[in-house]
C-alpha atoms as a PDB file:
ATOM      1  CA  UNK A   1       0.033   0.007  -0.034  1.00  0.00           C
ATOM      2  CA  UNK A   2       1.291   3.463  -0.987  1.00  0.00           C
ATOM      3  CA  UNK A   3       0.944   5.968   1.743  1.00  0.00           C
ATOM      4  CA  UNK A   4       0.279   9.682   1.127  1.00  0.00           C
ATOM      5  CA  UNK A   5      -0.428  12.733   3.222  1.00  0.00           C
ATOM      6  CA  UNK A   6      -4.118  11.826   3.802  1.00  0.00           C
ATOM      7  CA  UNK A   7      -3.093   8.353   4.972  1.00  0.00           C
ATOM      8  CA  UNK A   8      -0.825   9.835   7.634  1.00  0.00           C
ATOM      9  CA  UNK A   9      -3.522  12.334   8.805  1.00  0.00           C
ATOM     10  CA  UNK A  10      -5.942   9.428   9.248  1.00  0.00           C
ATOM     11  CA  UNK A  11      -3.280   7.381  10.927  1.00  0.00           C
ATOM     12  CA  UNK A  12      -2.547  10.180  13.457  1.00  0.00           C
ATOM     13  CA  UNK A  13      -6.201  10.663  14.265  1.00  0.00           C
ATOM     14  CA  UNK A  14      -6.783   6.911  14.660  1.00  0.00           C
ATOM     15  CA  UNK A  15      -3.909   6.522  17.039  1.00  0.00           C
ATOM     16  CA  UNK A  16      -4.554   9.682  19.022  1.00  0.00           C
ATOM     17  CA  UNK A  17      -1.281  11.209  17.897  1.00  0.00           C
ATOM     18  CA  UNK A  18      -2.808  14.070  15.870  1.00  0.00           C
ATOM     19  CA  UNK A  19      -2.702  16.656  18.629  1.00  0.00           C
ATOM     20  CA  UNK A  20       0.871  15.835  19.531  1.00  0.00           C
ATOM     21  CA  UNK A  21       1.913  16.093  15.910  1.00  0.00           C
ATOM     22  CA  UNK A  22       0.116  19.466  15.713  1.00  0.00           C
ATOM     23  CA  UNK A  23       1.900  20.742  18.850  1.00  0.00           C
ATOM     24  CA  UNK A  24       5.311  19.798  17.418  1.00  0.00           C
ATOM     25  CA  UNK A  25       4.293  21.421  14.087  1.00  0.00           C
ATOM     26  CA  UNK A  26       3.328  24.668  15.768  1.00  0.00           C
ATOM     27  CA  UNK A  27       6.481  24.722  17.794  1.00  0.00           C
ATOM     28  CA  UNK A  28       8.883  23.895  14.882  1.00  0.00           C
ATOM     29  CA  UNK A  29       7.132  25.056  11.722  1.00  0.00           C
ATOM     30  CA  UNK A  30       5.221  27.991  10.330  1.00  0.00           C
ATOM     31  CA  UNK A  31       2.494  27.877   7.592  1.00  0.00           C
ATOM     32  CA  UNK A  32       2.739  30.966   5.315  1.00  0.00           C
ATOM     33  CA  UNK A  33      -0.758  31.616   4.154  1.00  0.00           C
ATOM     34  CA  UNK A  34       0.222  33.909   1.303  1.00  0.00           C
ATOM     35  CA  UNK A  35       2.418  31.305  -0.413  1.00  0.00           C
ATOM     36  CA  UNK A  36       0.862  28.172   1.066  1.00  0.00           C
ATOM     37  CA  UNK A  37       4.267  26.963   2.163  1.00  0.00           C
ATOM     38  CA  UNK A  38       5.647  25.542   5.331  1.00  0.00           C
ATOM     39  CA  UNK A  39       8.955  26.646   6.839  1.00  0.00           C
ATOM     40  CA  UNK A  40      10.621  24.366   9.389  1.00  0.00           C
ATOM     41  CA  UNK A  41      13.078  25.057  12.168  1.00  0.00           C
ATOM     42  CA  UNK A  42      14.587  23.116  15.085  1.00  0.00           C
ATOM     43  CA  UNK A  43      12.916  23.391  18.529  1.00  0.00           C
ATOM     44  CA  UNK A  44      14.185  22.168  21.946  1.00  0.00           C
ATOM     45  CA  UNK A  45      12.444  19.057  23.290  1.00  0.00           C
ATOM     46  CA  UNK A  46      11.815  20.909  26.529  1.00  0.00           C
ATOM     47  CA  UNK A  47       9.660  23.377  24.777  1.00  0.00           C
ATOM     48  CA  UNK A  48       7.713  20.559  23.058  1.00  0.00           C
ATOM     49  CA  UNK A  49       7.164  18.818  26.406  1.00  0.00           C
ATOM     50  CA  UNK A  50       5.842  22.024  27.994  1.00  0.00           C
ATOM     51  CA  UNK A  51       3.514  22.711  25.113  1.00  0.00           C
ATOM     52  CA  UNK A  52       2.018  19.217  25.154  1.00  0.00           C
ATOM     53  CA  UNK A  53       1.600  19.325  28.939  1.00  0.00           C
ATOM     54  CA  UNK A  54       0.039  22.814  28.777  1.00  0.00           C
ATOM     55  CA  UNK A  55      -2.559  21.542  26.267  1.00  0.00           C
ATOM     56  CA  UNK A  56      -3.462  18.695  28.653  1.00  0.00           C
ATOM     57  CA  UNK A  57      -2.727  16.098  25.972  1.00  0.00           C
ATOM     58  CA  UNK A  58      -0.316  13.929  28.051  1.00  0.00           C
ATOM     59  CA  UNK A  59       1.292  14.662  31.424  1.00  0.00           C
ATOM     60  CA  UNK A  60       3.904  11.845  31.480  1.00  0.00           C
ATOM     61  CA  UNK A  61       7.182  12.528  29.649  1.00  0.00           C
ATOM     62  CA  UNK A  62       7.503   8.855  28.941  1.00  0.00           C
ATOM     63  CA  UNK A  63       4.225   8.620  27.233  1.00  0.00           C
ATOM     64  CA  UNK A  64       4.969  11.815  25.230  1.00  0.00           C
ATOM     65  CA  UNK A  65       8.389  10.266  24.243  1.00  0.00           C
ATOM     66  CA  UNK A  66       6.737   7.071  23.062  1.00  0.00           C
ATOM     67  CA  UNK A  67       4.242   8.966  20.931  1.00  0.00           C
ATOM     68  CA  UNK A  68       7.004  11.084  19.446  1.00  0.00           C
ATOM     69  CA  UNK A  69       8.968   7.989  18.636  1.00  0.00           C
ATOM     70  CA  UNK A  70       5.976   6.596  16.831  1.00  0.00           C
ATOM     71  CA  UNK A  71       5.967   9.794  14.749  1.00  0.00           C
ATOM     72  CA  UNK A  72       9.700   9.359  14.130  1.00  0.00           C
ATOM     73  CA  UNK A  73       9.036   5.729  12.917  1.00  0.00           C
ATOM     74  CA  UNK A  74       6.415   7.118  10.481  1.00  0.00           C
ATOM     75  CA  UNK A  75       8.953   9.564   9.135  1.00  0.00           C
ATOM     76  CA  UNK A  76       6.972  12.715  10.124  1.00  0.00           C
ATOM     77  CA  UNK A  77       9.421  14.140  12.749  1.00  0.00           C
ATOM     78  CA  UNK A  78      13.104  13.794  13.334  1.00  0.00           C
ATOM     79  CA  UNK A  79      15.673  14.431  16.037  1.00  0.00           C
ATOM     80  CA  UNK A  80      18.486  16.827  15.190  1.00  0.00           C
ATOM     81  CA  UNK A  81      21.690  14.695  15.039  1.00  0.00           C
ATOM     82  CA  UNK A  82      24.895  14.846  12.943  1.00  0.00           C
ATOM     83  CA  UNK A  83      23.892  11.789  10.968  1.00  0.00           C
ATOM     84  CA  UNK A  84      20.726  11.972   8.939  1.00  0.00           C
ATOM     85  CA  UNK A  85      18.189   9.165   9.168  1.00  0.00           C
ATOM     86  CA  UNK A  86      18.848   7.249   5.985  1.00  0.00           C
ATOM     87  CA  UNK A  87      15.395   5.614   5.678  1.00  0.00           C
ATOM     88  CA  UNK A  88      13.767   8.261   3.459  1.00  0.00           C
ATOM     89  CA  UNK A  89      11.010   6.167   1.856  1.00  0.00           C
ATOM     90  CA  UNK A  90       8.072   6.223   4.190  1.00  0.00           C
ATOM     91  CA  UNK A  91       5.502   5.833   1.493  1.00  0.00           C
ATOM     92  CA  UNK A  92       5.492   2.160   2.484  1.00  0.00           C
ATOM     93  CA  UNK A  93       5.821   0.717   6.013  1.00  0.00           C
ATOM     94  CA  UNK A  94       8.788  -1.466   5.099  1.00  0.00           C
ATOM     95  CA  UNK A  95      11.386   0.592   7.026  1.00  0.00           C
ATOM     96  CA  UNK A  96       9.239   2.060   9.909  1.00  0.00           C
ATOM     97  CA  UNK A  97      10.985  -0.093  12.461  1.00  0.00           C
ATOM     98  CA  UNK A  98      14.483   0.657  11.124  1.00  0.00           C
ATOM     99  CA  UNK A  99      13.629   4.288  10.949  1.00  0.00           C
ATOM    100  CA  UNK A 100      12.551   4.349  14.604  1.00  0.00           C
ATOM    101  CA  UNK A 101      15.525   2.322  15.844  1.00  0.00           C
ATOM    102  CA  UNK A 102      18.001   4.645  14.128  1.00  0.00           C
ATOM    103  CA  UNK A 103      18.020   7.147  16.986  1.00  0.00           C
ATOM    104  CA  UNK A 104      17.845   4.461  19.620  1.00  0.00           C
ATOM    105  CA  UNK A 105      21.029   2.897  18.298  1.00  0.00           C
ATOM    106  CA  UNK A 106      22.571   6.363  18.375  1.00  0.00           C
ATOM    107  CA  UNK A 107      21.749   6.418  22.104  1.00  0.00           C
ATOM    108  CA  UNK A 108      20.815  10.072  21.949  1.00  0.00           C
ATOM    109  CA  UNK A 109      19.361  11.837  24.942  1.00  0.00           C
ATOM    110  CA  UNK A 110      15.991  12.749  23.508  1.00  0.00           C
ATOM    111  CA  UNK A 111      15.024  15.016  26.490  1.00  0.00           C
ATOM    112  CA  UNK A 112      17.908  17.419  25.826  1.00  0.00           C
ATOM    113  CA  UNK A 113      17.925  17.139  22.047  1.00  0.00           C
ATOM    114  CA  UNK A 114      16.094  19.171  19.347  1.00  0.00           C
ATOM    115  CA  UNK A 115      13.248  18.072  17.117  1.00  0.00           C
ATOM    116  CA  UNK A 116      11.437  19.241  13.969  1.00  0.00           C
ATOM    117  CA  UNK A 117       9.155  18.140  11.192  1.00  0.00           C
ATOM    118  CA  UNK A 118      10.853  16.126   8.436  1.00  0.00           C
ATOM    119  CA  UNK A 119      11.459  17.784   5.108  1.00  0.00           C
ATOM    120  CA  UNK A 120      13.246  15.215   3.017  1.00  0.00           C
ATOM    121  CA  UNK A 121      11.144  12.140   3.488  1.00  0.00           C
ATOM    122  CA  UNK A 122       9.125  10.848   0.565  1.00  0.00           C
ATOM    123  CA  UNK A 123       6.011  11.976   2.524  1.00  0.00           C
ATOM    124  CA  UNK A 124       7.497  14.487   4.913  1.00  0.00           C
ATOM    125  CA  UNK A 125       6.056  15.845   8.088  1.00  0.00           C
ATOM    126  CA  UNK A 126       6.089  19.367   6.634  1.00  0.00           C
ATOM    127  CA  UNK A 127       3.920  18.203   3.720  1.00  0.00           C
ATOM    128  CA  UNK A 128       1.451  16.512   6.017  1.00  0.00           C
ATOM    129  CA  UNK A 129       1.231  19.768   8.091  1.00  0.00           C
ATOM    130  CA  UNK A 130       0.758  21.743   4.922  1.00  0.00           C
ATOM    131  CA  UNK A 131      -2.109  19.525   3.828  1.00  0.00           C
ATOM    132  CA  UNK A 132      -3.767  19.911   7.243  1.00  0.00           C
ATOM    133  CA  UNK A 133      -3.505  23.789   6.944  1.00  0.00           C
ATOM    134  CA  UNK A 134      -4.777  23.700   3.345  1.00  0.00           C
ATOM    135  CA  UNK A 135      -7.731  21.497   4.435  1.00  0.00           C
ATOM    136  CA  UNK A 136      -8.632  23.904   7.149  1.00  0.00           C
ATOM    137  CA  UNK A 137      -8.393  26.796   4.703  1.00  0.00           C
ATOM    138  CA  UNK A 138     -10.650  25.056   2.239  1.00  0.00           C
ATOM    139  CA  UNK A 139     -13.102  24.196   5.046  1.00  0.00           C
ATOM    140  CA  UNK A 140     -13.143  27.757   6.141  1.00  0.00           C
ATOM    141  CA  UNK A 141     -13.545  29.002   2.569  1.00  0.00           C
ATOM    142  CA  UNK A 142     -16.464  26.606   1.996  1.00  0.00           C
ATOM    143  CA  UNK A 143     -18.168  27.904   5.106  1.00  0.00           C
ATOM    144  CA  UNK A 144     -17.603  31.475   4.036  1.00  0.00           C
ATOM    145  CA  UNK A 145     -18.867  30.664   0.566  1.00  0.00           C
ATOM    146  CA  UNK A 146     -21.952  29.005   1.969  1.00  0.00           C
ATOM    147  CA  UNK A 147     -22.583  32.033   4.180  1.00  0.00           C
ATOM    148  CA  UNK A 148     -22.127  34.338   1.189  1.00  0.00           C
ATOM    149  CA  UNK A 149     -24.538  32.243  -0.837  1.00  0.00           C
ATOM    150  CA  UNK A 150     -27.071  32.262   1.985  1.00  0.00           C
ATOM    151  CA  UNK A 151     -26.752  36.030   2.357  1.00  0.00           C
ATOM    152  CA  UNK A 152     -27.103  36.455  -1.408  1.00  0.00           C
ATOM    153  CA  UNK A 153     -30.278  34.336  -1.491  1.00  0.00           C
ATOM    154  CA  UNK A 154     -31.769  36.274   1.467  1.00  0.00           C
ATOM    155  CA  UNK A 155     -30.920  39.563  -0.128  1.00  0.00           C
ATOM    156  CA  UNK A 156     -32.406  38.581  -3.475  1.00  0.00           C
ATOM    157  CA  UNK A 157     -35.480  37.169  -1.705  1.00  0.00           C
ATOM    158  CA  UNK A 158     -35.908  40.435   0.214  1.00  0.00           C
ATOM    159  CA  UNK A 159     -35.450  42.461  -3.019  1.00  0.00           C
ATOM    160  CA  UNK A 160     -38.010  40.243  -4.754  1.00  0.00           C
ATOM    161  CA  UNK A 161     -40.519  40.734  -1.992  1.00  0.00           C
ATOM    162  CA  UNK A 162     -39.882  44.433  -1.467  1.00  0.00           C
ATOM    163  CA  UNK A 163     -42.382  45.696  -4.151  1.00  0.00           C
ATOM    164  CA  UNK A 164     -45.058  43.313  -2.800  1.00  0.00           C
ATOM    165  CA  UNK A 165     -44.471  44.106   0.858  1.00  0.00           C
ATOM    166  CA  UNK A 166     -47.635  46.098   1.277  1.00  0.00           C
ATOM    167  CA  UNK A 167     -49.657  43.370  -0.327  1.00  0.00           C
ATOM    168  CA  UNK A 168     -47.980  40.755   1.933  1.00  0.00           C
ATOM    169  CA  UNK A 169     -48.685  42.865   5.038  1.00  0.00           C
ATOM    170  CA  UNK A 170     -52.348  43.195   3.902  1.00  0.00           C
ATOM    171  CA  UNK A 171     -52.600  39.444   3.440  1.00  0.00           C
ATOM    172  CA  UNK A 172     -51.059  38.857   6.911  1.00  0.00           C
ATOM    173  CA  UNK A 173     -53.548  41.216   8.449  1.00  0.00           C
ATOM    174  CA  UNK A 174     -56.415  39.591   6.612  1.00  0.00           C
ATOM    175  CA  UNK A 175     -55.228  36.132   7.660  1.00  0.00           C
ATOM    176  CA  UNK A 176     -54.970  37.292  11.359  1.00  0.00           C
ATOM    177  CA  UNK A 177     -58.506  38.720  11.081  1.00  0.00           C
ATOM    178  CA  UNK A 178     -59.851  35.485   9.642  1.00  0.00           C
ATOM    179  CA  UNK A 179     -58.097  33.452  12.397  1.00  0.00           C
ATOM    180  CA  UNK A 180     -59.710  35.633  15.043  1.00  0.00           C
ATOM    181  CA  UNK A 181     -63.154  35.131  13.392  1.00  0.00           C
ATOM    182  CA  UNK A 182     -62.539  31.434  13.212  1.00  0.00           C
ATOM    183  CA  UNK A 183     -61.639  31.365  16.979  1.00  0.00           C
ATOM    184  CA  UNK A 184     -64.802  33.306  17.853  1.00  0.00           C
ATOM    185  CA  UNK A 185     -66.878  30.972  15.674  1.00  0.00           C
ATOM    186  CA  UNK A 186     -65.362  27.973  17.428  1.00  0.00           C
ATOM    187  CA  UNK A 187     -66.118  29.547  20.854  1.00  0.00           C
ATOM    188  CA  UNK A 188     -69.700  30.138  19.819  1.00  0.00           C
ATOM    189  CA  UNK A 189     -70.043  26.540  18.602  1.00  0.00           C
ATOM    190  CA  UNK A 190     -68.595  25.327  21.827  1.00  0.00           C
ATOM    191  CA  UNK A 191     -70.859  27.472  23.866  1.00  0.00           C
ATOM    192  CA  UNK A 192     -73.908  26.345  21.908  1.00  0.00           C
ATOM    193  CA  UNK A 193     -72.858  22.759  22.310  1.00  0.00           C
ATOM    194  CA  UNK A 194     -72.548  23.311  26.053  1.00  0.00           C
ATOM    195  CA  UNK A 195     -76.014  24.910  26.189  1.00  0.00           C
ATOM    196  CA  UNK A 196     -77.545  22.014  24.281  1.00  0.00           C
ATOM    197  CA  UNK A 197     -75.918  19.484  26.653  1.00  0.00           C
ATOM    198  CA  UNK A 198     -77.312  21.474  29.612  1.00  0.00           C
ATOM    199  CA  UNK A 199     -80.810  21.718  28.106  1.00  0.00           C
ATOM    200  CA  UNK A 200     -80.828  17.939  27.489  1.00  0.00           C
ATOM    201  CA  UNK A 201     -79.672  17.315  31.074  1.00  0.00           C
ATOM    202  CA  UNK A 202     -82.310  19.663  32.402  1.00  0.00           C
ATOM    203  CA  UNK A 203     -85.137  18.117  30.340  1.00  0.00           C
ATOM    204  CA  UNK A 204     -84.113  14.638  31.492  1.00  0.00           C
ATOM    205  CA  UNK A 205     -83.840  15.949  35.123  1.00  0.00           C
ATOM    206  CA  UNK A 206     -87.277  17.525  34.970  1.00  0.00           C
ATOM    207  CA  UNK A 207     -88.763  14.374  33.409  1.00  0.00           C
ATOM    208  CA  UNK A 208     -87.103  12.231  36.160  1.00  0.00           C
ATOM    209  CA  UNK A 209     -88.352  14.653  38.780  1.00  0.00           C
ATOM    210  CA  UNK A 210     -91.919  14.533  37.526  1.00  0.00           C
ATOM    211  CA  UNK A 211     -91.859  10.719  37.593  1.00  0.00           C
ATOM    212  CA  UNK A 212     -90.300  10.724  41.075  1.00  0.00           C
ATOM    213  CA  UNK A 213     -93.012  13.159  42.330  1.00  0.00           C
ATOM    214  CA  UNK A 214     -95.698  11.075  40.764  1.00  0.00           C
ATOM    215  CA  UNK A 215     -94.517   7.777  42.278  1.00  0.00           C
ATOM    216  CA  UNK A 216     -93.954   9.464  45.677  1.00  0.00           C
ATOM    217  CA  UNK A 217     -97.456  10.894  45.642  1.00  0.00           C
ATOM    218  CA  UNK A 218     -98.934   7.544  44.731  1.00  0.00           C
ATOM    219  CA  UNK A 219     -97.153   5.889  47.638  1.00  0.00           C
ATOM    220  CA  UNK A 220     -97.920   8.766  49.919  1.00  0.00           C
ATOM    221  CA  UNK A 221    -101.657   8.633  49.233  1.00  0.00           C
ATOM    222  CA  UNK A 222    -101.680   4.975  50.400  1.00  0.00           C
ATOM    223  CA  UNK A 223    -100.017   6.067  53.582  1.00  0.00           C
ATOM    224  CA  UNK A 224    -101.976   9.355  53.981  1.00  0.00           C
ATOM    225  CA  UNK A 225    -104.071   8.041  56.897  1.00  0.00           C
ATOM    226  CA  UNK A 226    -101.070   7.093  58.900  1.00  0.00           C
ATOM    227  CA  UNK A 227     -98.600   9.942  58.071  1.00  0.00           C
ATOM    228  CA  UNK A 228    -100.813  12.882  57.113  1.00  0.00           C
ATOM    229  CA  UNK A 229    -100.516  15.626  54.552  1.00  0.00           C
ATOM    230  CA  UNK A 230     -97.386  17.112  56.120  1.00  0.00           C
ATOM    231  CA  UNK A 231     -95.238  14.168  54.946  1.00  0.00           C
ATOM    232  CA  UNK A 232     -96.504  14.406  51.364  1.00  0.00           C
ATOM    233  CA  UNK A 233     -95.719  18.177  51.245  1.00  0.00           C
ATOM    234  CA  UNK A 234     -92.208  17.715  52.649  1.00  0.00           C
ATOM    235  CA  UNK A 235     -91.526  14.812  50.234  1.00  0.00           C
ATOM    236  CA  UNK A 236     -92.585  16.941  47.231  1.00  0.00           C
ATOM    237  CA  UNK A 237     -90.577  19.872  48.430  1.00  0.00           C
ATOM    238  CA  UNK A 238     -87.479  17.688  48.792  1.00  0.00           C
ATOM    239  CA  UNK A 239     -87.798  16.359  45.292  1.00  0.00           C
ATOM    240  CA  UNK A 240     -88.405  19.762  43.757  1.00  0.00           C
ATOM    241  CA  UNK A 241     -85.466  21.211  45.720  1.00  0.00           C
ATOM    242  CA  UNK A 242     -83.175  18.402  44.591  1.00  0.00           C
ATOM    243  CA  UNK A 243     -84.351  18.847  41.030  1.00  0.00           C
ATOM    244  CA  UNK A 244     -83.790  22.610  41.168  1.00  0.00           C
ATOM    245  CA  UNK A 245     -80.329  22.457  42.560  1.00  0.00           C
ATOM    246  CA  UNK A 246     -79.276  19.663  40.164  1.00  0.00           C
ATOM    247  CA  UNK A 247     -80.258  22.008  37.273  1.00  0.00           C
ATOM    248  CA  UNK A 248     -78.377  24.954  38.807  1.00  0.00           C
ATOM    249  CA  UNK A 249     -75.310  22.774  39.593  1.00  0.00           C
ATOM    250  CA  UNK A 250     -75.211  21.435  36.073  1.00  0.00           C
ATOM    251  CA  UNK A 251     -75.110  24.903  34.585  1.00  0.00           C
ATOM    252  CA  UNK A 252     -72.372  26.025  37.095  1.00  0.00           C
ATOM    253  CA  UNK A 253     -70.197  23.033  36.401  1.00  0.00           C
ATOM    254  CA  UNK A 254     -70.452  22.970  32.529  1.00  0.00           C
ATOM    255  CA  UNK A 255     -70.724  26.692  31.624  1.00  0.00           C
ATOM    256  CA  UNK A 256     -69.227  28.816  34.417  1.00  0.00           C
ATOM    257  CA  UNK A 257     -66.866  26.264  35.948  1.00  0.00           C
ATOM    258  CA  UNK A 258     -66.898  28.493  39.018  1.00  0.00           C
ATOM    259  CA  UNK A 259     -65.776  26.415  41.990  1.00  0.00           C
ATOM    260  CA  UNK A 260     -66.908  29.033  44.564  1.00  0.00           C
ATOM    261  CA  UNK A 261     -70.418  29.167  43.231  1.00  0.00           C
ATOM    262  CA  UNK A 262     -70.590  25.424  42.960  1.00  0.00           C
ATOM    263  CA  UNK A 263     -69.530  24.989  46.616  1.00  0.00           C
ATOM    264  CA  UNK A 264     -72.164  27.591  47.701  1.00  0.00           C
ATOM    265  CA  UNK A 265     -74.834  25.661  45.756  1.00  0.00           C
ATOM    266  CA  UNK A 266     -73.818  22.416  47.392  1.00  0.00           C
ATOM    267  CA  UNK A 267     -73.879  23.971  50.869  1.00  0.00           C
ATOM    268  CA  UNK A 268     -77.375  25.412  50.345  1.00  0.00           C
ATOM    269  CA  UNK A 269     -78.566  22.113  48.965  1.00  0.00           C
ATOM    270  CA  UNK A 270     -77.286  20.373  52.172  1.00  0.00           C
ATOM    271  CA  UNK A 271     -78.856  23.016  54.468  1.00  0.00           C
ATOM    272  CA  UNK A 272     -82.315  22.526  52.774  1.00  0.00           C
ATOM    273  CA  UNK A 273     -82.044  18.796  53.423  1.00  0.00           C
ATOM    274  CA  UNK A 274     -81.180  19.521  57.071  1.00  0.00           C
ATOM    275  CA  UNK A 275     -84.292  21.750  57.332  1.00  0.00           C
ATOM    276  CA  UNK A 276     -86.435  19.032  55.682  1.00  0.00           C
ATOM    277  CA  UNK A 277     -85.133  16.438  58.139  1.00  0.00           C
ATOM    278  CA  UNK A 278     -85.981  18.830  61.050  1.00  0.00           C
ATOM    279  CA  UNK A 279     -89.458  19.302  59.671  1.00  0.00           C
ATOM    280  CA  UNK A 280     -89.913  15.603  59.269  1.00  0.00           C
ATOM    281  CA  UNK A 281     -88.826  15.123  62.873  1.00  0.00           C
END
């Protein structure tokens, strides 16, 4: 498999080495926007350690060193020594191990050495960094283009609507008016529906009350000799009172939905029954 800049970018992200590579790049390289070029210079490892630790990527120097050695094996960074790393072809992974062991065999003190992005590998670290910067530029350019297109469409849309703005406002006003009328119509329909329900309940209540009075009077006539006319009167009054309060309570519950009035009605209803019980007694 032939490796290119995009391969190494994906590899860095996959192995959580992308941020470390970017910190080394920012310490040892500069991307010149005008020319779209990368210039590279040496940087002390101590500065690299502090930068990585400051960005909370890794705190252990040993872990940082292991990750840097992985970048060295890939041919993206190099330690500054008298002898150059001879394994320049990093387009394949054949020499990754040899490339990484080159500095180990030299027994260099990595903590006190200098480091930089590679510039002479087949796929150099400077080229990988350049592609990352170019990709970010392109992404930013696309976002700006998208914003410009959006602004252009919005401006064109506003210009198109400008001559018709009064007409649009009139239509909105008319629509709002129609909506208000529709709401009022709905409220009237709902009110009429409630009224019809109440009327039906009241008719049924009155009919039931008449039947109750009829049967109570038939039974009371049979017992008239024993109980007297007083019992019949009280019985009829109780049925009529119950019927009246049921009609009133129905209207309060369905139409007014006034809890205070409803409670007053219930209390009065109870008081009348107390009075009737006293009369019976």
